[in-house]
Full PDB file with SEQRES, HELIX, SHEET, SSBOND, CRYST1, ORIGX, SCALE, CONECT and MASTER records, all heavy atoms in Angstrom:
SEQRES   1 A   35  HIS VAL ILE SER PHE ARG PHE ASP ARG THR GLU SER THR          
SEQRES   2 A   35  ILE THR THR ASN ALA LEU TRP ARG ALA VAL ALA CYS ASP          
SEQRES   3 A   35  LEU ALA ARG LEU TYR PRO CYS LEU TRP                          
HELIX    1 AA1 THR A   16  LEU A   30  1                                  15    
HELIX    2 AA2 PRO A   32  LEU A   34  5                                   3    
CRYST1    1.000    1.000    1.000  90.00  90.00  90.00 P 1           1          
ORIGX1      1.000000  0.000000  0.000000        0.00000                         
ORIGX2      0.000000  1.000000  0.000000        0.00000                         
ORIGX3      0.000000  0.000000  1.000000        0.00000                         
SCALE1      1.000000  0.000000  0.000000        0.00000                         
SCALE2      0.000000  1.000000  0.000000        0.00000                         
SCALE3      0.000000  0.000000  1.000000        0.00000                         
ATOM      1  N   HIS A   1      37.583-163.851 -36.679  1.00  0.00           N  
ATOM      2  CA  HIS A   1      36.771-163.154 -37.672  1.00  0.00           C  
ATOM      3  C   HIS A   1      35.715-164.090 -38.253  1.00  0.00           C  
ATOM      4  O   HIS A   1      35.983-165.258 -38.509  1.00  0.00           O  
ATOM      5  CB  HIS A   1      37.642-162.614 -38.801  1.00  0.00           C  
ATOM      6  CG  HIS A   1      38.552-161.523 -38.367  1.00  0.00           C  
ATOM      7  ND1 HIS A   1      38.106-160.265 -38.028  1.00  0.00           N  
ATOM      8  CD2 HIS A   1      39.894-161.492 -38.199  1.00  0.00           C  
ATOM      9  CE1 HIS A   1      39.127-159.513 -37.678  1.00  0.00           C  
ATOM     10  NE2 HIS A   1      40.221-160.239 -37.761  1.00  0.00           N  
ATOM     11  N   VAL A   2      34.536-163.529 -38.461  1.00  0.00           N  
ATOM     12  CA  VAL A   2      33.430-164.261 -39.066  1.00  0.00           C  
ATOM     13  C   VAL A   2      32.905-163.433 -40.228  1.00  0.00           C  
ATOM     14  O   VAL A   2      32.635-162.239 -40.083  1.00  0.00           O  
ATOM     15  CB  VAL A   2      32.296-164.516 -38.046  1.00  0.00           C  
ATOM     16  CG1 VAL A   2      31.131-165.235 -38.719  1.00  0.00           C  
ATOM     17  CG2 VAL A   2      32.800-165.302 -36.849  1.00  0.00           C  
ATOM     18  N   ILE A   3      32.774-164.077 -41.365  1.00  0.00           N  
ATOM     19  CA  ILE A   3      32.143-163.453 -42.523  1.00  0.00           C  
ATOM     20  C   ILE A   3      30.776-164.113 -42.643  1.00  0.00           C  
ATOM     21  O   ILE A   3      30.689-165.322 -42.822  1.00  0.00           O  
ATOM     22  CB  ILE A   3      32.978-163.675 -43.796  1.00  0.00           C  
ATOM     23  CG1 ILE A   3      34.324-162.963 -43.666  1.00  0.00           C  
ATOM     24  CG2 ILE A   3      32.217-163.217 -45.031  1.00  0.00           C  
ATOM     25  CD1 ILE A   3      35.305-163.277 -44.777  1.00  0.00           C  
ATOM     26  N   SER A   4      29.724-163.331 -42.499  1.00  0.00           N  
ATOM     27  CA  SER A   4      28.388-163.930 -42.484  1.00  0.00           C  
ATOM     28  C   SER A   4      27.542-163.433 -43.648  1.00  0.00           C  
ATOM     29  O   SER A   4      27.693-162.304 -44.118  1.00  0.00           O  
ATOM     30  CB  SER A   4      27.692-163.637 -41.158  1.00  0.00           C  
ATOM     31  OG  SER A   4      27.542-162.251 -40.977  1.00  0.00           O  
ATOM     32  N   PHE A   5      26.652-164.312 -44.073  1.00  0.00           N  
ATOM     33  CA  PHE A   5      25.757-164.019 -45.186  1.00  0.00           C  
ATOM     34  C   PHE A   5      24.486-164.817 -44.959  1.00  0.00           C  
ATOM     35  O   PHE A   5      24.539-165.989 -44.596  1.00  0.00           O  
ATOM     36  CB  PHE A   5      26.402-164.435 -46.510  1.00  0.00           C  
ATOM     37  CG  PHE A   5      25.697-163.915 -47.728  1.00  0.00           C  
ATOM     38  CD1 PHE A   5      26.109-162.726 -48.314  1.00  0.00           C  
ATOM     39  CD2 PHE A   5      24.639-164.603 -48.277  1.00  0.00           C  
ATOM     40  CE1 PHE A   5      25.467-162.241 -49.444  1.00  0.00           C  
ATOM     41  CE2 PHE A   5      23.982-164.126 -49.403  1.00  0.00           C  
ATOM     42  CZ  PHE A   5      24.403-162.936 -49.989  1.00  0.00           C  
ATOM     43  N   ARG A   6      23.325-164.178 -45.160  1.00  0.00           N  
ATOM     44  CA  ARG A   6      22.039-164.861 -44.970  1.00  0.00           C  
ATOM     45  C   ARG A   6      21.186-164.702 -46.216  1.00  0.00           C  
ATOM     46  O   ARG A   6      20.985-163.590 -46.709  1.00  0.00           O  
ATOM     47  CB  ARG A   6      21.310-164.289 -43.751  1.00  0.00           C  
ATOM     48  CG  ARG A   6      19.967-164.959 -43.488  1.00  0.00           C  
ATOM     49  CD  ARG A   6      19.375-164.549 -42.151  1.00  0.00           C  
ATOM     50  NE  ARG A   6      19.135-163.145 -42.005  1.00  0.00           N  
ATOM     51  CZ  ARG A   6      17.982-162.528 -42.270  1.00  0.00           C  
ATOM     52  NH1 ARG A   6      16.952-163.214 -42.734  1.00  0.00           N  
ATOM     53  NH2 ARG A   6      17.854-161.240 -42.080  1.00  0.00           N  
ATOM     54  N   PHE A   7      20.682-165.816 -46.711  1.00  0.00           N  
ATOM     55  CA  PHE A   7      19.748-165.787 -47.829  1.00  0.00           C  
ATOM     56  C   PHE A   7      18.333-165.558 -47.307  1.00  0.00           C  
ATOM     57  O   PHE A   7      18.037-165.844 -46.151  1.00  0.00           O  
ATOM     58  CB  PHE A   7      19.790-167.116 -48.614  1.00  0.00           C  
ATOM     59  CG  PHE A   7      21.010-167.267 -49.469  1.00  0.00           C  
ATOM     60  CD1 PHE A   7      22.027-168.128 -49.088  1.00  0.00           C  
ATOM     61  CD2 PHE A   7      21.146-166.559 -50.652  1.00  0.00           C  
ATOM     62  CE1 PHE A   7      23.160-168.279 -49.875  1.00  0.00           C  
ATOM     63  CE2 PHE A   7      22.279-166.697 -51.445  1.00  0.00           C  
ATOM     64  CZ  PHE A   7      23.283-167.565 -51.054  1.00  0.00           C  
ATOM     65  N   ASP A   8      17.461-165.047 -48.193  1.00  0.00           N  
ATOM     66  CA  ASP A   8      16.065-164.796 -47.833  1.00  0.00           C  
ATOM     67  C   ASP A   8      15.219-165.029 -49.078  1.00  0.00           C  
ATOM     68  O   ASP A   8      15.537-164.509 -50.156  1.00  0.00           O  
ATOM     69  CB  ASP A   8      15.913-163.352 -47.346  1.00  0.00           C  
ATOM     70  CG  ASP A   8      14.537-163.052 -46.796  1.00  0.00           C  
ATOM     71  OD1 ASP A   8      13.530-163.395 -47.450  1.00  0.00           O  
ATOM     72  OD2 ASP A   8      14.456-162.472 -45.703  1.00  0.00           O  
ATOM     73  N   ARG A   9      14.163-165.792 -48.936  1.00  0.00           N  
ATOM     74  CA  ARG A   9      13.298-166.118 -50.083  1.00  0.00           C  
ATOM     75  C   ARG A   9      12.697-164.874 -50.739  1.00  0.00           C  
ATOM     76  O   ARG A   9      12.408-164.877 -51.928  1.00  0.00           O  
ATOM     77  CB  ARG A   9      12.146-167.025 -49.645  1.00  0.00           C  
ATOM     78  CG  ARG A   9      12.540-168.406 -49.282  1.00  0.00           C  
ATOM     79  CD  ARG A   9      11.292-169.273 -49.034  1.00  0.00           C  
ATOM     80  NE  ARG A   9      11.593-170.472 -48.282  1.00  0.00           N  
ATOM     81  CZ  ARG A   9      12.181-171.540 -48.781  1.00  0.00           C  
ATOM     82  NH1 ARG A   9      12.552-171.552 -50.025  1.00  0.00           N  
ATOM     83  NH2 ARG A   9      12.417-172.589 -48.019  1.00  0.00           N  
ATOM     84  N   THR A  10      12.483-163.826 -49.961  1.00  0.00           N  
ATOM     85  CA  THR A  10      11.796-162.644 -50.483  1.00  0.00           C  
ATOM     86  C   THR A  10      12.741-161.623 -51.116  1.00  0.00           C  
ATOM     87  O   THR A  10      12.289-160.628 -51.657  1.00  0.00           O  
ATOM     88  CB  THR A  10      10.993-161.951 -49.368  1.00  0.00           C  
ATOM     89  OG1 THR A  10      11.898-161.499 -48.358  1.00  0.00           O  
ATOM     90  CG2 THR A  10       9.968-162.906 -48.759  1.00  0.00           C  
ATOM     91  N   GLU A  11      14.031-161.846 -51.020  1.00  0.00           N  
ATOM     92  CA  GLU A  11      15.011-160.891 -51.546  1.00  0.00           C  
ATOM     93  C   GLU A  11      15.643-161.436 -52.824  1.00  0.00           C  
ATOM     94  O   GLU A  11      16.559-162.254 -52.777  1.00  0.00           O  
ATOM     95  CB  GLU A  11      16.101-160.624 -50.499  1.00  0.00           C  
ATOM     96  CG  GLU A  11      15.599-160.000 -49.230  1.00  0.00           C  
ATOM     97  CD  GLU A  11      15.236-158.542 -49.407  1.00  0.00           C  
ATOM     98  OE1 GLU A  11      15.764-157.891 -50.329  1.00  0.00           O  
ATOM     99  OE2 GLU A  11      14.430-158.043 -48.611  1.00  0.00           O  
ATOM    100  N   SER A  12      15.175-160.991 -53.961  1.00  0.00           N  
ATOM    101  CA  SER A  12      15.656-161.523 -55.235  1.00  0.00           C  
ATOM    102  C   SER A  12      17.092-161.098 -55.552  1.00  0.00           C  
ATOM    103  O   SER A  12      17.749-161.712 -56.380  1.00  0.00           O  
ATOM    104  CB  SER A  12      14.726-161.092 -56.375  1.00  0.00           C  
ATOM    105  OG  SER A  12      14.712-159.676 -56.471  1.00  0.00           O  
ATOM    106  N   THR A  13      17.595-160.049 -54.893  1.00  0.00           N  
ATOM    107  CA  THR A  13      18.965-159.587 -55.174  1.00  0.00           C  
ATOM    108  C   THR A  13      20.014-160.356 -54.372  1.00  0.00           C  
ATOM    109  O   THR A  13      21.208-160.189 -54.591  1.00  0.00           O  
ATOM    110  CB  THR A  13      19.112-158.087 -54.855  1.00  0.00           C  
ATOM    111  OG1 THR A  13      18.819-157.882 -53.467  1.00  0.00           O  
ATOM    112  CG2 THR A  13      18.201-157.250 -55.725  1.00  0.00           C  
ATOM    113  N   ILE A  14      19.570-161.173 -53.435  1.00  0.00           N  
ATOM    114  CA  ILE A  14      20.513-161.923 -52.605  1.00  0.00           C  
ATOM    115  C   ILE A  14      20.726-163.279 -53.272  1.00  0.00           C  
ATOM    116  O   ILE A  14      20.043-164.256 -52.986  1.00  0.00           O  
ATOM    117  CB  ILE A  14      20.007-162.045 -51.155  1.00  0.00           C  
ATOM    118  CG1 ILE A  14      19.826-160.645 -50.588  1.00  0.00           C  
ATOM    119  CG2 ILE A  14      20.988-162.838 -50.313  1.00  0.00           C  
ATOM    120  CD1 ILE A  14      19.332-160.600 -49.185  1.00  0.00           C  
ATOM    121  N   THR A  15      21.686-163.299 -54.179  1.00  0.00           N  
ATOM    122  CA  THR A  15      21.955-164.458 -55.022  1.00  0.00           C  
ATOM    123  C   THR A  15      23.299-165.076 -54.665  1.00  0.00           C  
ATOM    124  O   THR A  15      24.047-164.548 -53.848  1.00  0.00           O  
ATOM    125  CB  THR A  15      21.999-164.017 -56.496  1.00  0.00           C  
ATOM    126  OG1 THR A  15      23.091-163.098 -56.647  1.00  0.00           O  
ATOM    127  CG2 THR A  15      20.693-163.355 -56.936  1.00  0.00           C  
ATOM    128  N   THR A  16      23.606-166.171 -55.330  1.00  0.00           N  
ATOM    129  CA  THR A  16      24.907-166.816 -55.163  1.00  0.00           C  
ATOM    130  C   THR A  16      26.037-165.857 -55.516  1.00  0.00           C  
ATOM    131  O   THR A  16      27.042-165.781 -54.808  1.00  0.00           O  
ATOM    132  CB  THR A  16      24.985-168.081 -56.042  1.00  0.00           C  
ATOM    133  OG1 THR A  16      23.951-168.971 -55.637  1.00  0.00           O  
ATOM    134  CG2 THR A  16      26.321-168.762 -55.911  1.00  0.00           C  
ATOM    135  N   ASN A  17      25.889-165.114 -56.592  1.00  0.00           N  
ATOM    136  CA  ASN A  17      26.931-164.163 -56.983  1.00  0.00           C  
ATOM    137  C   ASN A  17      27.101-163.069 -55.932  1.00  0.00           C  
ATOM    138  O   ASN A  17      28.224-162.649 -55.633  1.00  0.00           O  
ATOM    139  CB  ASN A  17      26.629-163.560 -58.351  1.00  0.00           C  
ATOM    140  CG  ASN A  17      26.823-164.571 -59.464  1.00  0.00           C  
ATOM    141  OD1 ASN A  17      27.314-165.680 -59.247  1.00  0.00           O  
ATOM    142  ND2 ASN A  17      26.434-164.203 -60.670  1.00  0.00           N  
ATOM    143  N   ALA A  18      26.003-162.612 -55.336  1.00  0.00           N  
ATOM    144  CA  ALA A  18      26.097-161.609 -54.265  1.00  0.00           C  
ATOM    145  C   ALA A  18      26.836-162.187 -53.068  1.00  0.00           C  
ATOM    146  O   ALA A  18      27.646-161.491 -52.438  1.00  0.00           O  
ATOM    147  CB  ALA A  18      24.701-161.140 -53.857  1.00  0.00           C  
ATOM    148  N   LEU A  19      26.585-163.452 -52.762  1.00  0.00           N  
ATOM    149  CA  LEU A  19      27.298-164.118 -51.666  1.00  0.00           C  
ATOM    150  C   LEU A  19      28.799-164.075 -51.888  1.00  0.00           C  
ATOM    151  O   LEU A  19      29.553-163.604 -51.033  1.00  0.00           O  
ATOM    152  CB  LEU A  19      26.833-165.579 -51.545  1.00  0.00           C  
ATOM    153  CG  LEU A  19      27.761-166.520 -50.773  1.00  0.00           C  
ATOM    154  CD1 LEU A  19      27.819-166.159 -49.302  1.00  0.00           C  
ATOM    155  CD2 LEU A  19      27.326-167.968 -50.974  1.00  0.00           C  
ATOM    156  N   TRP A  20      29.257-164.560 -53.038  1.00  0.00           N  
ATOM    157  CA  TRP A  20      30.709-164.655 -53.257  1.00  0.00           C  
ATOM    158  C   TRP A  20      31.361-163.295 -53.430  1.00  0.00           C  
ATOM    159  O   TRP A  20      32.511-163.102 -53.049  1.00  0.00           O  
ATOM    160  CB  TRP A  20      31.009-165.609 -54.410  1.00  0.00           C  
ATOM    161  CG  TRP A  20      30.551-167.004 -54.103  1.00  0.00           C  
ATOM    162  CD1 TRP A  20      29.731-167.789 -54.863  1.00  0.00           C  
ATOM    163  CD2 TRP A  20      30.865-167.785 -52.939  1.00  0.00           C  
ATOM    164  NE1 TRP A  20      29.513-168.997 -54.233  1.00  0.00           N  
ATOM    165  CE2 TRP A  20      30.197-169.018 -53.056  1.00  0.00           C  
ATOM    166  CE3 TRP A  20      31.637-167.550 -51.792  1.00  0.00           C  
ATOM    167  CZ2 TRP A  20      30.289-170.021 -52.090  1.00  0.00           C  
ATOM    168  CZ3 TRP A  20      31.717-168.544 -50.827  1.00  0.00           C  
ATOM    169  CH2 TRP A  20      31.053-169.762 -50.980  1.00  0.00           C  
ATOM    170  N   ARG A  21      30.629-162.314 -53.963  1.00  0.00           N  
ATOM    171  CA  ARG A  21      31.181-160.948 -54.026  1.00  0.00           C  
ATOM    172  C   ARG A  21      31.366-160.381 -52.624  1.00  0.00           C  
ATOM    173  O   ARG A  21      32.374-159.747 -52.321  1.00  0.00           O  
ATOM    174  CB  ARG A  21      30.265-160.049 -54.853  1.00  0.00           C  
ATOM    175  CG  ARG A  21      30.356-160.294 -56.340  1.00  0.00           C  
ATOM    176  CD  ARG A  21      29.488-159.302 -57.113  1.00  0.00           C  
ATOM    177  NE  ARG A  21      29.712-159.470 -58.533  1.00  0.00           N  
ATOM    178  CZ  ARG A  21      28.772-159.870 -59.391  1.00  0.00           C  
ATOM    179  NH1 ARG A  21      27.550-160.138 -58.968  1.00  0.00           N  
ATOM    180  NH2 ARG A  21      29.061-160.005 -60.660  1.00  0.00           N  
ATOM    181  N   ALA A  22      30.374-160.603 -51.754  1.00  0.00           N  
ATOM    182  CA  ALA A  22      30.460-160.100 -50.381  1.00  0.00           C  
ATOM    183  C   ALA A  22      31.595-160.788 -49.622  1.00  0.00           C  
ATOM    184  O   ALA A  22      32.346-160.135 -48.887  1.00  0.00           O  
ATOM    185  CB  ALA A  22      29.133-160.319 -49.664  1.00  0.00           C  
ATOM    186  N   VAL A  23      31.752-162.098 -49.798  1.00  0.00           N  
ATOM    187  CA  VAL A  23      32.831-162.830 -49.135  1.00  0.00           C  
ATOM    188  C   VAL A  23      34.183-162.307 -49.604  1.00  0.00           C  
ATOM    189  O   VAL A  23      35.078-162.054 -48.793  1.00  0.00           O  
ATOM    190  CB  VAL A  23      32.695-164.354 -49.366  1.00  0.00           C  
ATOM    191  CG1 VAL A  23      33.955-165.096 -48.923  1.00  0.00           C  
ATOM    192  CG2 VAL A  23      31.471-164.899 -48.637  1.00  0.00           C  
ATOM    193  N   ALA A  24      34.349-162.121 -50.907  1.00  0.00           N  
ATOM    194  CA  ALA A  24      35.620-161.612 -51.448  1.00  0.00           C  
ATOM    195  C   ALA A  24      35.930-160.222 -50.888  1.00  0.00           C  
ATOM    196  O   ALA A  24      37.068-159.937 -50.500  1.00  0.00           O  
ATOM    197  CB  ALA A  24      35.575-161.575 -52.973  1.00  0.00           C  
ATOM    198  N   CYS A  25      34.919-159.370 -50.828  1.00  0.00           N  
ATOM    199  CA  CYS A  25      35.103-158.015 -50.299  1.00  0.00           C  
ATOM    200  C   CYS A  25      35.517-158.061 -48.826  1.00  0.00           C  
ATOM    201  O   CYS A  25      36.445-157.358 -48.412  1.00  0.00           O  
ATOM    202  CB  CYS A  25      33.814-157.235 -50.493  1.00  0.00           C  
ATOM    203  SG  CYS A  25      33.946-155.487 -50.122  1.00  0.00           S  
ATOM    204  N   ASP A  26      34.864-158.896 -48.040  1.00  0.00           N  
ATOM    205  CA  ASP A  26      35.207-159.012 -46.620  1.00  0.00           C  
ATOM    206  C   ASP A  26      36.606-159.586 -46.424  1.00  0.00           C  
ATOM    207  O   ASP A  26      37.340-159.159 -45.537  1.00  0.00           O  
ATOM    208  CB  ASP A  26      34.185-159.877 -45.886  1.00  0.00           C  
ATOM    209  CG  ASP A  26      32.892-159.128 -45.576  1.00  0.00           C  
ATOM    210  OD1 ASP A  26      32.829-157.919 -45.849  1.00  0.00           O  
ATOM    211  OD2 ASP A  26      31.954-159.761 -45.066  1.00  0.00           O  
ATOM    212  N   LEU A  27      36.980-160.564 -47.239  1.00  0.00           N  
ATOM    213  CA  LEU A  27      38.335-161.124 -47.145  1.00  0.00           C  
ATOM    214  C   LEU A  27      39.379-160.056 -47.450  1.00  0.00           C  
ATOM    215  O   LEU A  27      40.407-159.961 -46.769  1.00  0.00           O  
ATOM    216  CB  LEU A  27      38.491-162.314 -48.098  1.00  0.00           C  
ATOM    217  CG  LEU A  27      37.799-163.600 -47.666  1.00  0.00           C  
ATOM    218  CD1 LEU A  27      37.754-164.592 -48.822  1.00  0.00           C  
ATOM    219  CD2 LEU A  27      38.501-164.208 -46.457  1.00  0.00           C  
ATOM    220  N   ALA A  28      39.108-159.239 -48.452  1.00  0.00           N  
ATOM    221  CA  ALA A  28      40.059-158.172 -48.804  1.00  0.00           C  
ATOM    222  C   ALA A  28      40.137-157.112 -47.707  1.00  0.00           C  
ATOM    223  O   ALA A  28      41.190-156.524 -47.486  1.00  0.00           O  
ATOM    224  CB  ALA A  28      39.667-157.546 -50.140  1.00  0.00           C  
ATOM    225  N   ARG A  29      39.037-156.876 -47.005  1.00  0.00           N  
ATOM    226  CA  ARG A  29      39.076-155.940 -45.873  1.00  0.00           C  
ATOM    227  C   ARG A  29      39.938-156.492 -44.740  1.00  0.00           C  
ATOM    228  O   ARG A  29      40.654-155.754 -44.082  1.00  0.00           O  
ATOM    229  CB  ARG A  29      37.667-155.672 -45.354  1.00  0.00           C  
ATOM    230  CG  ARG A  29      36.878-154.745 -46.235  1.00  0.00           C  
ATOM    231  CD  ARG A  29      35.555-154.378 -45.581  1.00  0.00           C  
ATOM    232  NE  ARG A  29      34.787-153.572 -46.489  1.00  0.00           N  
ATOM    233  CZ  ARG A  29      33.582-153.885 -46.940  1.00  0.00           C  
ATOM    234  NH1 ARG A  29      32.991-154.986 -46.545  1.00  0.00           N  
ATOM    235  NH2 ARG A  29      32.947-153.097 -47.773  1.00  0.00           N  
ATOM    236  N   LEU A  30      39.835-157.800 -44.521  1.00  0.00           N  
ATOM    237  CA  LEU A  30      40.635-158.426 -43.459  1.00  0.00           C  
ATOM    238  C   LEU A  30      42.107-158.519 -43.834  1.00  0.00           C  
ATOM    239  O   LEU A  30      42.975-158.387 -42.978  1.00  0.00           O  
ATOM    240  CB  LEU A  30      40.116-159.845 -43.176  1.00  0.00           C  
ATOM    241  CG  LEU A  30      38.800-159.953 -42.438  1.00  0.00           C  
ATOM    242  CD1 LEU A  30      38.344-161.406 -42.380  1.00  0.00           C  
ATOM    243  CD2 LEU A  30      38.932-159.397 -41.025  1.00  0.00           C  
ATOM    244  N   TYR A  31      42.372-158.771 -45.105  1.00  0.00           N  
ATOM    245  CA  TYR A  31      43.745-158.971 -45.586  1.00  0.00           C  
ATOM    246  C   TYR A  31      43.998-158.018 -46.751  1.00  0.00           C  
ATOM    247  O   TYR A  31      43.730-158.347 -47.901  1.00  0.00           O  
ATOM    248  CB  TYR A  31      43.958-160.427 -46.023  1.00  0.00           C  
ATOM    249  CG  TYR A  31      43.597-161.404 -44.935  1.00  0.00           C  
ATOM    250  CD1 TYR A  31      42.419-162.152 -45.000  1.00  0.00           C  
ATOM    251  CD2 TYR A  31      44.416-161.553 -43.819  1.00  0.00           C  
ATOM    252  CE1 TYR A  31      42.084-163.034 -43.984  1.00  0.00           C  
ATOM    253  CE2 TYR A  31      44.081-162.434 -42.803  1.00  0.00           C  
ATOM    254  CZ  TYR A  31      42.916-163.167 -42.892  1.00  0.00           C  
ATOM    255  OH  TYR A  31      42.582-164.033 -41.883  1.00  0.00           O  
ATOM    256  N   PRO A  32      44.497-156.804 -46.451  1.00  0.00           N  
ATOM    257  CA  PRO A  32      44.684-155.794 -47.500  1.00  0.00           C  
ATOM    258  C   PRO A  32      45.518-156.275 -48.688  1.00  0.00           C  
ATOM    259  O   PRO A  32      45.357-155.764 -49.789  1.00  0.00           O  
ATOM    260  CB  PRO A  32      45.378-154.653 -46.753  1.00  0.00           C  
ATOM    261  CG  PRO A  32      44.907-154.798 -45.339  1.00  0.00           C  
ATOM    262  CD  PRO A  32      44.798-156.286 -45.117  1.00  0.00           C  
ATOM    263  N   CYS A  33      46.361-157.276 -48.478  1.00  0.00           N  
ATOM    264  CA  CYS A  33      47.152-157.807 -49.601  1.00  0.00           C  
ATOM    265  C   CYS A  33      46.254-158.389 -50.701  1.00  0.00           C  
ATOM    266  O   CYS A  33      46.673-158.501 -51.855  1.00  0.00           O  
ATOM    267  CB  CYS A  33      48.145-158.858 -49.109  1.00  0.00           C  
ATOM    268  SG  CYS A  33      47.354-160.309 -48.358  1.00  0.00           S  
ATOM    269  N   LEU A  34      45.016-158.719 -50.369  1.00  0.00           N  
ATOM    270  CA  LEU A  34      44.104-159.287 -51.361  1.00  0.00           C  
ATOM    271  C   LEU A  34      43.444-158.219 -52.231  1.00  0.00           C  
ATOM    272  O   LEU A  34      42.908-158.521 -53.292  1.00  0.00           O  
ATOM    273  CB  LEU A  34      43.023-160.129 -50.669  1.00  0.00           C  
ATOM    274  CG  LEU A  34      43.522-161.319 -49.860  1.00  0.00           C  
ATOM    275  CD1 LEU A  34      42.341-162.049 -49.228  1.00  0.00           C  
ATOM    276  CD2 LEU A  34      44.342-162.273 -50.714  1.00  0.00           C  
ATOM    277  N   TRP A  35      43.482-156.948 -51.775  1.00  0.00           N  
ATOM    278  CA  TRP A  35      42.875-155.875 -52.578  1.00  0.00           C  
ATOM    279  C   TRP A  35      43.516-155.784 -53.950  1.00  0.00           C  
ATOM    280  O   TRP A  35      42.848-155.506 -54.933  1.00  0.00           O  
ATOM    281  CB  TRP A  35      42.999-154.522 -51.874  1.00  0.00           C  
ATOM    282  CG  TRP A  35      41.920-154.256 -50.884  1.00  0.00           C  
ATOM    283  CD1 TRP A  35      42.075-154.058 -49.547  1.00  0.00           C  
ATOM    284  CD2 TRP A  35      40.509-154.174 -51.126  1.00  0.00           C  
ATOM    285  NE1 TRP A  35      40.861-153.861 -48.945  1.00  0.00           N  
ATOM    286  CE2 TRP A  35      39.877-153.925 -49.891  1.00  0.00           C  
ATOM    287  CE3 TRP A  35      39.720-154.292 -52.268  1.00  0.00           C  
ATOM    288  CZ2 TRP A  35      38.502-153.781 -49.768  1.00  0.00           C  
ATOM    289  CZ3 TRP A  35      38.351-154.152 -52.137  1.00  0.00           C  
ATOM    290  CH2 TRP A  35      37.749-153.901 -50.909  1.00  0.00           C  
TER     291      TRP A  35                                                      
MASTER        0    0    0    2    0    0    0    6  290    1    0    3          
END                                                                             
């Protein structure tokens, strides 16, 4: 499994907090015990 995230200079909504929220969400999808 790979959890991927890409930043972009032109996208102001793609922040550090968005990164870690997306990673947490993907981890919970992979491991339902984390939900």
